[in-house]
PDB file of N, CA and C in Angstrom:
ATOM      1  N   MET A   1      -3.507   3.282  36.059  1.00  0.00           N
ATOM      2  CA  MET A   1      -2.512   3.137  34.680  1.00  0.00           C
ATOM      3  C   MET A   1      -2.832   2.487  33.727  1.00  0.00           C
ATOM      4  N   GLU A   2      -4.056   1.586  33.665  1.00  0.00           N
ATOM      5  CA  GLU A   2      -4.557   1.011  32.060  1.00  0.00           C
ATOM      6  C   GLU A   2      -5.428   2.209  31.366  1.00  0.00           C
ATOM      7  N   PHE A   3      -6.235   2.974  32.091  1.00  0.00           N
ATOM      8  CA  PHE A   3      -7.094   4.306  31.600  1.00  0.00           C
ATOM      9  C   PHE A   3      -5.635   5.000  30.982  1.00  0.00           C
ATOM     10  N   VAL A   4      -4.598   5.207  31.700  1.00  0.00           N
ATOM     11  CA  VAL A   4      -3.652   6.190  30.671  1.00  0.00           C
ATOM     12  C   VAL A   4      -3.083   5.712  29.648  1.00  0.00           C
ATOM     13  N   LEU A   5      -2.753   4.059  29.571  1.00  0.00           N
ATOM     14  CA  LEU A   5      -1.898   3.374  28.448  1.00  0.00           C
ATOM     15  C   LEU A   5      -2.959   3.616  27.477  1.00  0.00           C
ATOM     16  N   GLU A   6      -4.541   3.211  27.684  1.00  0.00           N
ATOM     17  CA  GLU A   6      -5.265   3.434  26.790  1.00  0.00           C
ATOM     18  C   GLU A   6      -5.785   4.676  25.861  1.00  0.00           C
ATOM     19  N   TRP A   7      -5.529   5.804  26.974  1.00  0.00           N
ATOM     20  CA  TRP A   7      -5.571   7.081  26.205  1.00  0.00           C
ATOM     21  C   TRP A   7      -4.524   7.276  25.587  1.00  0.00           C
ATOM     22  N   PHE A   8      -3.205   7.202  25.939  1.00  0.00           N
ATOM     23  CA  PHE A   8      -2.256   7.067  24.786  1.00  0.00           C
ATOM     24  C   PHE A   8      -2.600   6.457  23.700  1.00  0.00           C
ATOM     25  N   TRP A   9      -2.722   5.505  23.573  1.00  0.00           N
ATOM     26  CA  TRP A   9      -3.121   4.406  22.194  1.00  0.00           C
ATOM     27  C   TRP A   9      -4.260   5.459  21.596  1.00  0.00           C
ATOM     28  N   TYR A  10      -5.187   5.739  21.990  1.00  0.00           N
ATOM     29  CA  TYR A  10      -5.848   6.522  21.218  1.00  0.00           C
ATOM     30  C   TYR A  10      -5.260   8.228  21.013  1.00  0.00           C
ATOM     31  N   LEU A  11      -4.795   8.686  21.484  1.00  0.00           N
ATOM     32  CA  LEU A  11      -4.084   9.938  20.931  1.00  0.00           C
ATOM     33  C   LEU A  11      -2.580   9.495  19.837  1.00  0.00           C
ATOM     34  N   LEU A  12      -2.085   8.295  19.989  1.00  0.00           N
ATOM     35  CA  LEU A  12      -1.081   8.007  18.975  1.00  0.00           C
ATOM     36  C   LEU A  12      -2.150   7.456  17.782  1.00  0.00           C
ATOM     37  N   ALA A  13      -2.884   6.681  18.013  1.00  0.00           N
ATOM     38  CA  ALA A  13      -3.952   6.390  16.791  1.00  0.00           C
ATOM     39  C   ALA A  13      -4.383   7.834  16.042  1.00  0.00           C
ATOM     40  N   PHE A  14      -4.582   8.769  16.782  1.00  0.00           N
ATOM     41  CA  PHE A  14      -5.086   9.945  16.544  1.00  0.00           C
ATOM     42  C   PHE A  14      -4.423  11.059  15.366  1.00  0.00           C
ATOM     43  N   VAL A  15      -3.041  10.926  16.068  1.00  0.00           N
ATOM     44  CA  VAL A  15      -1.827  11.715  15.583  1.00  0.00           C
ATOM     45  C   VAL A  15      -1.491  10.787  14.120  1.00  0.00           C
ATOM     46  N   ALA A  16      -1.357   9.526  14.586  1.00  0.00           N
ATOM     47  CA  ALA A  16      -0.726   8.618  12.966  1.00  0.00           C
ATOM     48  C   ALA A  16      -2.013   8.790  11.630  1.00  0.00           C
ATOM     49  N   GLY A  17      -3.119   8.929  12.263  1.00  0.00           N
ATOM     50  CA  GLY A  17      -4.506   8.785  11.493  1.00  0.00           C
ATOM     51  C   GLY A  17      -4.395  10.241  10.622  1.00  0.00           C
ATOM     52  N   SER A  18      -3.892  11.061  11.576  1.00  0.00           N
ATOM     53  CA  SER A  18      -3.570  12.736  11.070  1.00  0.00           C
ATOM     54  C   SER A  18      -2.943  13.080   9.724  1.00  0.00           C
ATOM     55  N   ALA A  19      -1.655  12.200  10.714  1.00  0.00           N
ATOM     56  CA  ALA A  19      -0.062  12.147   9.401  1.00  0.00           C
ATOM     57  C   ALA A  19      -0.839  11.608   8.459  1.00  0.00           C
ATOM     58  N   VAL A  20      -1.560  10.399   8.470  1.00  0.00           N
ATOM     59  CA  VAL A  20      -1.449  10.071   6.593  1.00  0.00           C
ATOM     60  C   VAL A  20      -2.453  10.603   5.924  1.00  0.00           C
ATOM     61  N   ALA A  21      -3.549  10.935   6.559  1.00  0.00           N
ATOM     62  CA  ALA A  21      -4.705  12.200   6.075  1.00  0.00           C
ATOM     63  C   ALA A  21      -4.078  13.126   5.423  1.00  0.00           C
ATOM     64  N   TRP A  22      -2.605  13.888   6.503  1.00  0.00           N
ATOM     65  CA  TRP A  22      -1.953  15.074   5.638  1.00  0.00           C
ATOM     66  C   TRP A  22      -0.992  14.700   4.708  1.00  0.00           C
ATOM     67  N   GLY A  23      -0.645  13.282   4.851  1.00  0.00           N
ATOM     68  CA  GLY A  23       0.614  12.967   3.584  1.00  0.00           C
ATOM     69  C   GLY A  23      -0.087  12.484   2.458  1.00  0.00           C
ATOM     70  N   ALA A  24      -1.183  12.434   2.394  1.00  0.00           N
ATOM     71  CA  ALA A  24      -2.038  11.780   1.066  1.00  0.00           C
ATOM     72  C   ALA A  24      -2.788  12.801   0.518  1.00  0.00           C
ATOM     73  N   THR A  25      -2.932  13.618   1.525  1.00  0.00           N
ATOM     74  CA  THR A  25      -3.508  15.338   0.587  1.00  0.00           C
ATOM     75  C   THR A  25      -2.195  15.882   0.090  1.00  0.00           C
ATOM     76  N   VAL A  26      -1.096  16.009   0.669  1.00  0.00           N
ATOM     77  CA  VAL A  26       0.048  16.572   0.154  1.00  0.00           C
ATOM     78  C   VAL A  26       0.342  15.969  -1.178  1.00  0.00           C
ATOM     79  N   LEU A  27       0.387  14.614  -1.317  1.00  0.00           N
ATOM     80  CA  LEU A  27       0.617  13.578  -2.493  1.00  0.00           C
ATOM     81  C   LEU A  27      -0.249  13.979  -3.698  1.00  0.00           C
ATOM     82  N   LEU A  28      -1.540  13.935  -3.124  1.00  0.00           N
ATOM     83  CA  LEU A  28      -2.411  14.234  -3.872  1.00  0.00           C
ATOM     84  C   LEU A  28      -2.442  15.897  -4.740  1.00  0.00           C
ATOM     85  N   ILE A  29      -2.264  16.989  -3.670  1.00  0.00           N
ATOM     86  CA  ILE A  29      -2.475  17.939  -4.195  1.00  0.00           C
ATOM     87  C   ILE A  29      -1.159  18.521  -4.959  1.00  0.00           C
ATOM     88  N   LYS A  30       0.066  18.203  -4.728  1.00  0.00           N
ATOM     89  CA  LYS A  30       1.374  18.204  -4.836  1.00  0.00           C
ATOM     90  C   LYS A  30       1.374  18.270  -6.899  1.00  0.00           C
ATOM     91  N   PRO A  31       1.075  17.279  -7.131  1.00  0.00           N
ATOM     92  CA  PRO A  31       1.212  16.994  -8.449  1.00  0.00           C
ATOM     93  C   PRO A  31       0.457  17.831  -9.664  1.00  0.00           C
ATOM     94  N   ALA A  32      -0.983  18.359  -8.852  1.00  0.00           N
ATOM     95  CA  ALA A  32      -1.927  19.210  -9.393  1.00  0.00           C
ATOM     96  C   ALA A  32      -1.246  20.401  -9.358  1.00  0.00           C
ATOM     97  N   SER A  33      -0.693  21.109  -8.283  1.00  0.00           N
ATOM     98  CA  SER A  33       0.203  22.396  -8.413  1.00  0.00           C
ATOM     99  C   SER A  33       1.236  22.584  -9.428  1.00  0.00           C
ATOM    100  N   GLU A  34       1.884  21.319  -9.427  1.00  0.00           N
ATOM    101  CA  GLU A  34       2.543  21.671 -10.528  1.00  0.00           C
ATOM    102  C   GLU A  34       2.487  21.238 -12.182  1.00  0.00           C
ATOM    103  N   ASP A  35       1.306  21.172 -12.192  1.00  0.00           N
ATOM    104  CA  ASP A  35       1.029  20.957 -13.717  1.00  0.00           C
ATOM    105  C   ASP A  35       0.131  22.476 -14.250  1.00  0.00           C
ATOM    106  N   GLU A  36      -0.201  23.387 -13.099  1.00  0.00           N
ATOM    107  CA  GLU A  36      -0.950  24.396 -13.146  1.00  0.00           C
ATOM    108  C   GLU A  36      -0.419  25.469 -12.139  1.00  0.00           C
ATOM    109  N   PRO A  37       0.653  26.487 -12.908  1.00  0.00           N
ATOM    110  CA  PRO A  37       1.759  27.130 -11.805  1.00  0.00           C
ATOM    111  C   PRO A  37       1.056  28.114 -11.667  1.00  0.00           C
ATOM    112  N   SER A  38       0.636  28.769 -10.519  1.00  0.00           N
ATOM    113  CA  SER A  38       0.006  30.141 -10.463  1.00  0.00           C
ATOM    114  C   SER A  38       0.955  31.091 -10.203  1.00  0.00           C
TER     115      SER A  38
END
C-alpha cells in the first residue's frame, strides 16, 4: 500500500507540474498573440 501511495504522490506532482507549466505558457503566449493578430 505504501508503494501505491508513493506512486500516487509522484503522479500528482507530475500532473500539477504539467498544469503549472501549461498555465504559464498560456499566460506568456496569449498577450503576444493579442499584440500581433494573425
